[in-house]
Every structure is written in structure tokens, then in C-alpha cells.
PDB file of N, CA and C in Angstrom:
ATOM      1  N   UNK A   1     -52.800 -51.100 -40.859  1.00  0.00           N
ATOM      2  CA  UNK A   1     -52.247 -50.094 -40.814  1.00  0.00           C
ATOM      3  C   UNK A   1     -50.944 -50.508 -39.183  1.00  0.00           C
ATOM      4  N   UNK A   2     -49.720 -49.889 -39.394  1.00  0.00           N
ATOM      5  CA  UNK A   2     -48.931 -50.468 -38.236  1.00  0.00           C
ATOM      6  C   UNK A   2     -48.434 -48.991 -37.567  1.00  0.00           C
ATOM      7  N   UNK A   3     -48.082 -48.774 -36.386  1.00  0.00           N
ATOM      8  CA  UNK A   3     -47.702 -47.896 -36.202  1.00  0.00           C
ATOM      9  C   UNK A   3     -46.495 -48.217 -34.778  1.00  0.00           C
ATOM     10  N   UNK A   4     -45.090 -47.605 -35.343  1.00  0.00           N
ATOM     11  CA  UNK A   4     -43.998 -47.889 -35.148  1.00  0.00           C
ATOM     12  C   UNK A   4     -43.401 -46.755 -33.848  1.00  0.00           C
ATOM     13  N   UNK A   5     -43.271 -47.207 -32.915  1.00  0.00           N
ATOM     14  CA  UNK A   5     -43.041 -45.931 -31.650  1.00  0.00           C
ATOM     15  C   UNK A   5     -41.738 -46.007 -31.615  1.00  0.00           C
ATOM     16  N   UNK A   6     -40.909 -45.345 -30.840  1.00  0.00           N
ATOM     17  CA  UNK A   6     -39.773 -44.847 -30.413  1.00  0.00           C
ATOM     18  C   UNK A   6     -39.666 -44.927 -29.011  1.00  0.00           C
ATOM     19  N   UNK A   7     -40.593 -45.679 -27.992  1.00  0.00           N
ATOM     20  CA  UNK A   7     -40.407 -45.567 -26.877  1.00  0.00           C
ATOM     21  C   UNK A   7     -39.269 -46.308 -26.265  1.00  0.00           C
ATOM     22  N   UNK A   8     -39.099 -47.181 -26.878  1.00  0.00           N
ATOM     23  CA  UNK A   8     -37.739 -48.259 -26.327  1.00  0.00           C
ATOM     24  C   UNK A   8     -36.316 -47.663 -26.547  1.00  0.00           C
ATOM     25  N   UNK A   9     -36.103 -46.700 -27.426  1.00  0.00           N
ATOM     26  CA  UNK A   9     -35.142 -45.820 -27.457  1.00  0.00           C
ATOM     27  C   UNK A   9     -35.299 -44.483 -26.341  1.00  0.00           C
ATOM     28  N   UNK A  10     -36.159 -44.459 -25.520  1.00  0.00           N
ATOM     29  CA  UNK A  10     -36.189 -43.319 -24.740  1.00  0.00           C
ATOM     30  C   UNK A  10     -37.213 -42.515 -25.259  1.00  0.00           C
ATOM     31  N   UNK A  11     -37.538 -42.055 -26.368  1.00  0.00           N
ATOM     32  CA  UNK A  11     -38.525 -41.449 -26.860  1.00  0.00           C
ATOM     33  C   UNK A  11     -38.393 -39.983 -26.324  1.00  0.00           C
ATOM     34  N   UNK A  12     -39.532 -39.509 -26.319  1.00  0.00           N
ATOM     35  CA  UNK A  12     -39.478 -38.198 -25.654  1.00  0.00           C
ATOM     36  C   UNK A  12     -39.595 -38.075 -24.335  1.00  0.00           C
ATOM     37  N   UNK A  13     -39.994 -39.107 -23.593  1.00  0.00           N
ATOM     38  CA  UNK A  13     -39.779 -38.843 -21.922  1.00  0.00           C
ATOM     39  C   UNK A  13     -38.747 -38.352 -21.454  1.00  0.00           C
ATOM     40  N   UNK A  14     -37.423 -38.335 -21.914  1.00  0.00           N
ATOM     41  CA  UNK A  14     -36.353 -37.991 -21.535  1.00  0.00           C
ATOM     42  C   UNK A  14     -36.489 -36.145 -21.599  1.00  0.00           C
ATOM     43  N   UNK A  15     -36.608 -35.912 -23.087  1.00  0.00           N
ATOM     44  CA  UNK A  15     -36.583 -34.425 -23.044  1.00  0.00           C
ATOM     45  C   UNK A  15     -37.700 -33.592 -22.534  1.00  0.00           C
ATOM     46  N   UNK A  16     -39.008 -34.527 -22.072  1.00  0.00           N
ATOM     47  CA  UNK A  16     -40.017 -33.621 -21.401  1.00  0.00           C
ATOM     48  C   UNK A  16     -39.598 -33.588 -20.177  1.00  0.00           C
ATOM     49  N   UNK A  17     -39.122 -34.617 -19.417  1.00  0.00           N
ATOM     50  CA  UNK A  17     -38.611 -34.429 -17.907  1.00  0.00           C
ATOM     51  C   UNK A  17     -37.588 -33.579 -17.868  1.00  0.00           C
ATOM     52  N   UNK A  18     -36.604 -33.481 -18.962  1.00  0.00           N
ATOM     53  CA  UNK A  18     -35.560 -32.343 -18.378  1.00  0.00           C
ATOM     54  C   UNK A  18     -36.373 -31.092 -18.702  1.00  0.00           C
ATOM     55  N   UNK A  19     -37.216 -30.740 -19.651  1.00  0.00           N
ATOM     56  CA  UNK A  19     -37.956 -29.589 -20.166  1.00  0.00           C
ATOM     57  C   UNK A  19     -38.448 -29.230 -18.169  1.00  0.00           C
ATOM     58  N   UNK A  20     -39.383 -29.927 -17.815  1.00  0.00           N
ATOM     59  CA  UNK A  20     -39.757 -29.490 -16.772  1.00  0.00           C
ATOM     60  C   UNK A  20     -39.097 -28.870 -15.527  1.00  0.00           C
ATOM     61  N   UNK A  21     -38.027 -29.785 -15.373  1.00  0.00           N
ATOM     62  CA  UNK A  21     -37.138 -29.587 -14.489  1.00  0.00           C
ATOM     63  C   UNK A  21     -36.399 -27.990 -14.511  1.00  0.00           C
ATOM     64  N   UNK A  22     -36.150 -27.705 -15.789  1.00  0.00           N
ATOM     65  CA  UNK A  22     -35.662 -26.288 -16.172  1.00  0.00           C
ATOM     66  C   UNK A  22     -36.538 -25.220 -15.928  1.00  0.00           C
ATOM     67  N   UNK A  23     -37.802 -25.478 -16.357  1.00  0.00           N
ATOM     68  CA  UNK A  23     -39.171 -24.828 -16.154  1.00  0.00           C
ATOM     69  C   UNK A  23     -38.832 -24.229 -14.979  1.00  0.00           C
ATOM     70  N   UNK A  24     -39.081 -25.457 -13.806  1.00  0.00           N
ATOM     71  CA  UNK A  24     -39.059 -24.947 -12.494  1.00  0.00           C
ATOM     72  C   UNK A  24     -38.105 -24.357 -11.991  1.00  0.00           C
ATOM     73  N   UNK A  25     -36.864 -24.502 -12.107  1.00  0.00           N
ATOM     74  CA  UNK A  25     -35.639 -23.947 -11.757  1.00  0.00           C
ATOM     75  C   UNK A  25     -35.512 -22.752 -12.064  1.00  0.00           C
ATOM     76  N   UNK A  26     -36.115 -21.798 -13.378  1.00  0.00           N
ATOM     77  CA  UNK A  26     -36.199 -21.003 -13.637  1.00  0.00           C
ATOM     78  C   UNK A  26     -37.129 -19.997 -12.972  1.00  0.00           C
ATOM     79  N   UNK A  27     -38.363 -20.857 -12.728  1.00  0.00           N
ATOM     80  CA  UNK A  27     -39.235 -20.191 -11.762  1.00  0.00           C
ATOM     81  C   UNK A  27     -38.841 -19.531 -10.283  1.00  0.00           C
ATOM     82  N   UNK A  28     -38.231 -20.291  -9.721  1.00  0.00           N
ATOM     83  CA  UNK A  28     -37.419 -20.528  -8.445  1.00  0.00           C
ATOM     84  C   UNK A  28     -36.606 -19.447  -8.493  1.00  0.00           C
ATOM     85  N   UNK A  29     -35.952 -18.943  -9.675  1.00  0.00           N
ATOM     86  CA  UNK A  29     -34.886 -17.975  -9.651  1.00  0.00           C
ATOM     87  C   UNK A  29     -35.724 -16.948  -9.533  1.00  0.00           C
ATOM     88  N   UNK A  30     -36.628 -16.574 -10.507  1.00  0.00           N
ATOM     89  CA  UNK A  30     -37.215 -15.326 -10.964  1.00  0.00           C
ATOM     90  C   UNK A  30     -38.008 -14.641  -9.969  1.00  0.00           C
ATOM     91  N   UNK A  31     -38.156 -13.678  -9.725  1.00  0.00           N
ATOM     92  CA  UNK A  31     -39.237 -12.891  -9.116  1.00  0.00           C
ATOM     93  C   UNK A  31     -40.680 -13.032  -9.975  1.00  0.00           C
ATOM     94  N   UNK A  32     -42.008 -13.031  -9.493  1.00  0.00           N
ATOM     95  CA  UNK A  32     -42.801 -13.210 -10.274  1.00  0.00           C
ATOM     96  C   UNK A  32     -43.719 -12.040 -10.113  1.00  0.00           C
ATOM     97  N   UNK A  33     -43.875 -10.962 -10.975  1.00  0.00           N
ATOM     98  CA  UNK A  33     -44.873  -9.890 -10.712  1.00  0.00           C
ATOM     99  C   UNK A  33     -46.141 -10.057 -11.186  1.00  0.00           C
ATOM    100  N   UNK A  34     -47.293  -9.779 -10.114  1.00  0.00           N
ATOM    101  CA  UNK A  34     -48.715  -9.529 -10.543  1.00  0.00           C
ATOM    102  C   UNK A  34     -49.053  -8.317 -10.926  1.00  0.00           C
ATOM    103  N   UNK A  35     -48.404  -6.994 -10.927  1.00  0.00           N
ATOM    104  CA  UNK A  35     -48.759  -5.936 -11.438  1.00  0.00           C
ATOM    105  C   UNK A  35     -49.638  -5.870 -12.447  1.00  0.00           C
ATOM    106  N   UNK A  36     -49.280  -6.675 -13.855  1.00  0.00           N
ATOM    107  CA  UNK A  36     -49.914  -6.870 -14.702  1.00  0.00           C
ATOM    108  C   UNK A  36     -51.224  -7.220 -14.640  1.00  0.00           C
ATOM    109  N   UNK A  37     -51.423  -8.398 -13.864  1.00  0.00           N
ATOM    110  CA  UNK A  37     -52.475  -9.221 -13.685  1.00  0.00           C
ATOM    111  C   UNK A  37     -53.548  -8.015 -12.975  1.00  0.00           C
ATOM    112  N   UNK A  38     -53.069  -7.687 -11.859  1.00  0.00           N
ATOM    113  CA  UNK A  38     -54.207  -6.597 -11.329  1.00  0.00           C
ATOM    114  C   UNK A  38     -54.519  -5.698 -12.302  1.00  0.00           C
ATOM    115  N   UNK A  39     -53.737  -5.254 -13.286  1.00  0.00           N
ATOM    116  CA  UNK A  39     -54.226  -3.851 -14.112  1.00  0.00           C
ATOM    117  C   UNK A  39     -55.571  -4.851 -15.081  1.00  0.00           C
ATOM    118  N   UNK A  40     -55.065  -6.022 -15.273  1.00  0.00           N
ATOM    119  CA  UNK A  40     -55.989  -6.544 -16.183  1.00  0.00           C
ATOM    120  C   UNK A  40     -57.315  -7.020 -15.492  1.00  0.00           C
ATOM    121  N   UNK A  41     -57.373  -7.403 -14.334  1.00  0.00           N
ATOM    122  CA  UNK A  41     -58.606  -7.312 -13.249  1.00  0.00           C
ATOM    123  C   UNK A  41     -58.991  -6.161 -13.066  1.00  0.00           C
ATOM    124  N   UNK A  42     -58.382  -5.143 -13.304  1.00  0.00           N
ATOM    125  CA  UNK A  42     -59.157  -3.711 -13.002  1.00  0.00           C
ATOM    126  C   UNK A  42     -60.093  -3.280 -14.148  1.00  0.00           C
ATOM    127  N   UNK A  43     -59.600  -3.499 -15.451  1.00  0.00           N
ATOM    128  CA  UNK A  43     -60.007  -3.286 -16.988  1.00  0.00           C
ATOM    129  C   UNK A  43     -61.225  -4.412 -16.997  1.00  0.00           C
ATOM    130  N   UNK A  44     -60.937  -5.591 -16.492  1.00  0.00           N
ATOM    131  CA  UNK A  44     -62.365  -6.280 -16.618  1.00  0.00           C
ATOM    132  C   UNK A  44     -63.188  -5.991 -15.768  1.00  0.00           C
ATOM    133  N   UNK A  45     -63.040  -5.707 -14.647  1.00  0.00           N
ATOM    134  CA  UNK A  45     -64.222  -5.363 -13.665  1.00  0.00           C
ATOM    135  C   UNK A  45     -65.010  -4.021 -14.229  1.00  0.00           C
ATOM    136  N   UNK A  46     -64.174  -3.384 -15.247  1.00  0.00           N
ATOM    137  CA  UNK A  46     -65.232  -2.068 -15.842  1.00  0.00           C
ATOM    138  C   UNK A  46     -66.228  -2.347 -16.861  1.00  0.00           C
ATOM    139  N   UNK A  47     -65.689  -3.773 -17.356  1.00  0.00           N
ATOM    140  CA  UNK A  47     -66.815  -4.039 -18.426  1.00  0.00           C
ATOM    141  C   UNK A  47     -67.806  -4.797 -17.988  1.00  0.00           C
ATOM    142  N   UNK A  48     -69.184  -4.133 -18.566  1.00  0.00           N
ATOM    143  CA  UNK A  48     -70.570  -4.752 -18.168  1.00  0.00           C
ATOM    144  C   UNK A  48     -70.401  -6.149 -18.399  1.00  0.00           C
ATOM    145  N   UNK A  49     -71.366  -6.672 -17.396  1.00  0.00           N
ATOM    146  CA  UNK A  49     -71.860  -8.024 -17.557  1.00  0.00           C
ATOM    147  C   UNK A  49     -72.618  -8.548 -18.695  1.00  0.00           C
ATOM    148  N   UNK A  50     -73.438  -7.671 -19.090  1.00  0.00           N
ATOM    149  CA  UNK A  50     -74.520  -7.450 -20.045  1.00  0.00           C
ATOM    150  C   UNK A  50     -74.197  -6.418 -21.082  1.00  0.00           C
ATOM    151  N   UNK A  51     -74.215  -6.565 -22.271  1.00  0.00           N
ATOM    152  CA  UNK A  51     -73.925  -5.678 -23.222  1.00  0.00           C
ATOM    153  C   UNK A  51     -75.496  -5.231 -23.904  1.00  0.00           C
ATOM    154  N   UNK A  52     -75.975  -4.281 -23.533  1.00  0.00           N
ATOM    155  CA  UNK A  52     -77.319  -4.156 -24.277  1.00  0.00           C
ATOM    156  C   UNK A  52     -77.704  -4.133 -25.522  1.00  0.00           C
ATOM    157  N   UNK A  53     -76.427  -3.349 -26.089  1.00  0.00           N
ATOM    158  CA  UNK A  53     -76.594  -3.073 -27.593  1.00  0.00           C
ATOM    159  C   UNK A  53     -76.476  -4.230 -28.289  1.00  0.00           C
ATOM    160  N   UNK A  54     -75.845  -5.621 -28.174  1.00  0.00           N
ATOM    161  CA  UNK A  54     -75.908  -6.728 -28.546  1.00  0.00           C
ATOM    162  C   UNK A  54     -77.164  -7.454 -28.193  1.00  0.00           C
ATOM    163  N   UNK A  55     -77.592  -7.341 -27.304  1.00  0.00           N
ATOM    164  CA  UNK A  55     -79.196  -7.870 -26.821  1.00  0.00           C
ATOM    165  C   UNK A  55     -80.173  -7.632 -27.938  1.00  0.00           C
ATOM    166  N   UNK A  56     -80.195  -6.082 -27.946  1.00  0.00           N
ATOM    167  CA  UNK A  56     -80.958  -5.476 -28.825  1.00  0.00           C
ATOM    168  C   UNK A  56     -80.768  -6.024 -30.352  1.00  0.00           C
ATOM    169  N   UNK A  57     -79.662  -6.334 -30.609  1.00  0.00           N
ATOM    170  CA  UNK A  57     -79.035  -6.648 -32.082  1.00  0.00           C
ATOM    171  C   UNK A  57     -79.827  -7.911 -32.050  1.00  0.00           C
ATOM    172  N   UNK A  58     -79.708  -9.126 -31.098  1.00  0.00           N
ATOM    173  CA  UNK A  58     -79.959 -10.405 -31.182  1.00  0.00           C
ATOM    174  C   UNK A  58     -81.486 -10.615 -31.052  1.00  0.00           C
ATOM    175  N   UNK A  59     -82.355  -9.520 -30.662  1.00  0.00           N
ATOM    176  CA  UNK A  59     -83.714  -9.683 -30.682  1.00  0.00           C
ATOM    177  C   UNK A  59     -84.332  -9.154 -31.910  1.00  0.00           C
ATOM    178  N   UNK A  60     -83.430  -8.165 -32.633  1.00  0.00           N
ATOM    179  CA  UNK A  60     -83.881  -7.838 -33.902  1.00  0.00           C
ATOM    180  C   UNK A  60     -83.796  -9.153 -35.150  1.00  0.00           C
ATOM    181  N   UNK A  61     -82.748  -9.635 -34.653  1.00  0.00           N
ATOM    182  CA  UNK A  61     -82.438 -10.759 -35.858  1.00  0.00           C
ATOM    183  C   UNK A  61     -83.334 -12.083 -35.740  1.00  0.00           C
ATOM    184  N   UNK A  62     -83.566 -12.110 -34.328  1.00  0.00           N
ATOM    185  CA  UNK A  62     -85.014 -13.473 -33.999  1.00  0.00           C
ATOM    186  C   UNK A  62     -85.987 -12.952 -34.616  1.00  0.00           C
ATOM    187  N   UNK A  63     -86.788 -11.605 -34.435  1.00  0.00           N
ATOM    188  CA  UNK A  63     -87.737 -10.898 -34.883  1.00  0.00           C
ATOM    189  C   UNK A  63     -87.920 -11.199 -36.593  1.00  0.00           C
ATOM    190  N   UNK A  64     -87.140 -11.045 -37.152  1.00  0.00           N
ATOM    191  CA  UNK A  64     -86.539 -11.058 -38.562  1.00  0.00           C
ATOM    192  C   UNK A  64     -86.762 -12.385 -39.207  1.00  0.00           C
ATOM    193  N   UNK A  65     -88.138 -12.425 -40.041  1.00  0.00           N
ATOM    194  CA  UNK A  65     -88.561 -13.632 -40.386  1.00  0.00           C
ATOM    195  C   UNK A  65     -87.437 -13.855 -41.727  1.00  0.00           C
ATOM    196  N   UNK A  66     -86.693 -13.235 -42.343  1.00  0.00           N
ATOM    197  CA  UNK A  66     -85.646 -13.521 -43.390  1.00  0.00           C
ATOM    198  C   UNK A  66     -84.202 -13.466 -42.695  1.00  0.00           C
ATOM    199  N   UNK A  67     -84.152 -13.884 -41.879  1.00  0.00           N
ATOM    200  CA  UNK A  67     -82.577 -14.001 -40.999  1.00  0.00           C
ATOM    201  C   UNK A  67     -83.074 -15.450 -40.495  1.00  0.00           C
ATOM    202  N   UNK A  68     -81.833 -16.237 -40.941  1.00  0.00           N
ATOM    203  CA  UNK A  68     -80.573 -16.121 -41.508  1.00  0.00           C
ATOM    204  C   UNK A  68     -81.291 -16.182 -43.114  1.00  0.00           C
ATOM    205  N   UNK A  69     -80.356 -15.321 -43.901  1.00  0.00           N
ATOM    206  CA  UNK A  69     -80.662 -15.427 -45.188  1.00  0.00           C
ATOM    207  C   UNK A  69     -80.840 -16.982 -46.029  1.00  0.00           C
ATOM    208  N   UNK A  70     -81.901 -17.159 -46.783  1.00  0.00           N
ATOM    209  CA  UNK A  70     -82.145 -18.489 -47.328  1.00  0.00           C
ATOM    210  C   UNK A  70     -80.583 -19.074 -48.230  1.00  0.00           C
ATOM    211  N   UNK A  71     -79.724 -18.233 -48.792  1.00  0.00           N
ATOM    212  CA  UNK A  71     -78.518 -18.651 -49.462  1.00  0.00           C
ATOM    213  C   UNK A  71     -77.731 -19.203 -47.896  1.00  0.00           C
ATOM    214  N   UNK A  72     -77.824 -18.556 -46.989  1.00  0.00           N
ATOM    215  CA  UNK A  72     -76.714 -19.371 -46.017  1.00  0.00           C
ATOM    216  C   UNK A  72     -77.394 -20.887 -45.598  1.00  0.00           C
ATOM    217  N   UNK A  73     -78.743 -20.722 -45.373  1.00  0.00           N
ATOM    218  CA  UNK A  73     -79.332 -21.938 -44.733  1.00  0.00           C
ATOM    219  C   UNK A  73     -79.214 -22.797 -46.224  1.00  0.00           C
ATOM    220  N   UNK A  74     -79.246 -22.654 -47.418  1.00  0.00           N
ATOM    221  CA  UNK A  74     -78.825 -23.366 -48.350  1.00  0.00           C
ATOM    222  C   UNK A  74     -77.317 -24.123 -48.233  1.00  0.00           C
ATOM    223  N   UNK A  75     -76.271 -23.364 -47.966  1.00  0.00           N
ATOM    224  CA  UNK A  75     -75.117 -23.449 -48.108  1.00  0.00           C
ATOM    225  C   UNK A  75     -74.857 -24.290 -46.762  1.00  0.00           C
ATOM    226  N   UNK A  76     -75.338 -24.083 -45.861  1.00  0.00           N
ATOM    227  CA  UNK A  76     -75.190 -24.958 -44.558  1.00  0.00           C
ATOM    228  C   UNK A  76     -75.891 -26.317 -44.874  1.00  0.00           C
ATOM    229  N   UNK A  77     -77.069 -26.390 -45.338  1.00  0.00           N
ATOM    230  CA  UNK A  77     -77.401 -27.950 -45.798  1.00  0.00           C
ATOM    231  C   UNK A  77     -76.542 -28.606 -46.397  1.00  0.00           C
ATOM    232  N   UNK A  78     -76.079 -27.901 -47.589  1.00  0.00           N
ATOM    233  CA  UNK A  78     -75.424 -28.767 -48.317  1.00  0.00           C
ATOM    234  C   UNK A  78     -74.183 -29.208 -47.648  1.00  0.00           C
ATOM    235  N   UNK A  79     -73.509 -28.547 -46.552  1.00  0.00           N
ATOM    236  CA  UNK A  79     -72.530 -28.798 -46.033  1.00  0.00           C
ATOM    237  C   UNK A  79     -72.560 -30.026 -45.041  1.00  0.00           C
ATOM    238  N   UNK A  80     -73.663 -30.147 -44.349  1.00  0.00           N
ATOM    239  CA  UNK A  80     -74.136 -31.096 -43.451  1.00  0.00           C
ATOM    240  C   UNK A  80     -74.379 -32.447 -44.228  1.00  0.00           C
ATOM    241  N   UNK A  81     -75.087 -32.159 -45.209  1.00  0.00           N
ATOM    242  CA  UNK A  81     -75.078 -33.372 -46.308  1.00  0.00           C
ATOM    243  C   UNK A  81     -73.832 -33.857 -46.725  1.00  0.00           C
ATOM    244  N   UNK A  82     -72.896 -33.266 -47.217  1.00  0.00           N
ATOM    245  CA  UNK A  82     -71.608 -33.574 -47.483  1.00  0.00           C
ATOM    246  C   UNK A  82     -70.941 -34.577 -46.384  1.00  0.00           C
ATOM    247  N   UNK A  83     -71.184 -33.857 -45.049  1.00  0.00           N
ATOM    248  CA  UNK A  83     -70.646 -34.664 -43.957  1.00  0.00           C
ATOM    249  C   UNK A  83     -71.172 -35.640 -43.689  1.00  0.00           C
ATOM    250  N   UNK A  84     -72.381 -35.777 -44.018  1.00  0.00           N
ATOM    251  CA  UNK A  84     -73.134 -37.425 -43.572  1.00  0.00           C
ATOM    252  C   UNK A  84     -72.379 -38.251 -44.658  1.00  0.00           C
ATOM    253  N   UNK A  85     -72.748 -38.060 -45.982  1.00  0.00           N
ATOM    254  CA  UNK A  85     -72.297 -38.611 -46.904  1.00  0.00           C
ATOM    255  C   UNK A  85     -70.982 -39.113 -46.743  1.00  0.00           C
ATOM    256  N   UNK A  86     -70.324 -38.194 -46.440  1.00  0.00           N
ATOM    257  CA  UNK A  86     -68.897 -38.654 -46.199  1.00  0.00           C
ATOM    258  C   UNK A  86     -68.695 -39.913 -44.828  1.00  0.00           C
ATOM    259  N   UNK A  87     -69.465 -39.629 -43.883  1.00  0.00           N
ATOM    260  CA  UNK A  87     -69.384 -40.795 -42.734  1.00  0.00           C
ATOM    261  C   UNK A  87     -70.021 -42.052 -43.083  1.00  0.00           C
ATOM    262  N   UNK A  88     -70.815 -41.978 -44.192  1.00  0.00           N
ATOM    263  CA  UNK A  88     -71.519 -43.085 -44.474  1.00  0.00           C
ATOM    264  C   UNK A  88     -70.403 -44.123 -45.592  1.00  0.00           C
ATOM    265  N   UNK A  89     -69.734 -43.493 -46.185  1.00  0.00           N
ATOM    266  CA  UNK A  89     -69.037 -44.118 -46.848  1.00  0.00           C
ATOM    267  C   UNK A  89     -67.561 -44.641 -46.228  1.00  0.00           C
ATOM    268  N   UNK A  90     -67.416 -44.124 -44.784  1.00  0.00           N
ATOM    269  CA  UNK A  90     -66.110 -44.759 -44.267  1.00  0.00           C
ATOM    270  C   UNK A  90     -66.339 -46.305 -43.778  1.00  0.00           C
TER     271      UNK A  90
END
């Protein structure tokens, strides 16, 4: 397999460089407002670090001997087997 690049004709390098210059020029001209980020920070500070209801749910699932369902385990094992067969054929 051969890959031909267009780097000799300038390729994407000129376009990317021009785009970066244009972005930096726009940032210098505009005023940046952080009011929205302050609001987001305040909202995030109100969310608890630990969600006790999710911990309770996880503990219940771990204690349940029928979780995950056998059908889920069977399907996952089939997917893993297909992936392993696919890698050995390459």
C-alpha cells in the first residue's frame, strides 16, 4: 500500500497557520467575559462530591448474585470471542 501526500505543494500547513493567526487576532480584539464561567463554578460547587443514592445502588448490585444477567455475560463473551478471532486472522 502506498500513501501519497501533498506536502510538496504546501498541503495543509499554510491553511492551519493562517487560521491560527486569525484566531489570535480575534482574541486580541474582543473582550473576554468570565461571568458564565463564574456561574458554572458556583453551580458545580453545589453538587455533592459523593452521591449516596448511587453508592447504595452500586452496593445493592454487587450483593445481588444474579447481577449482571446471564444473557449480558453471554453476549459480552461472544463479542470478546469475535474480537479475539478477528485479531488472530490479521
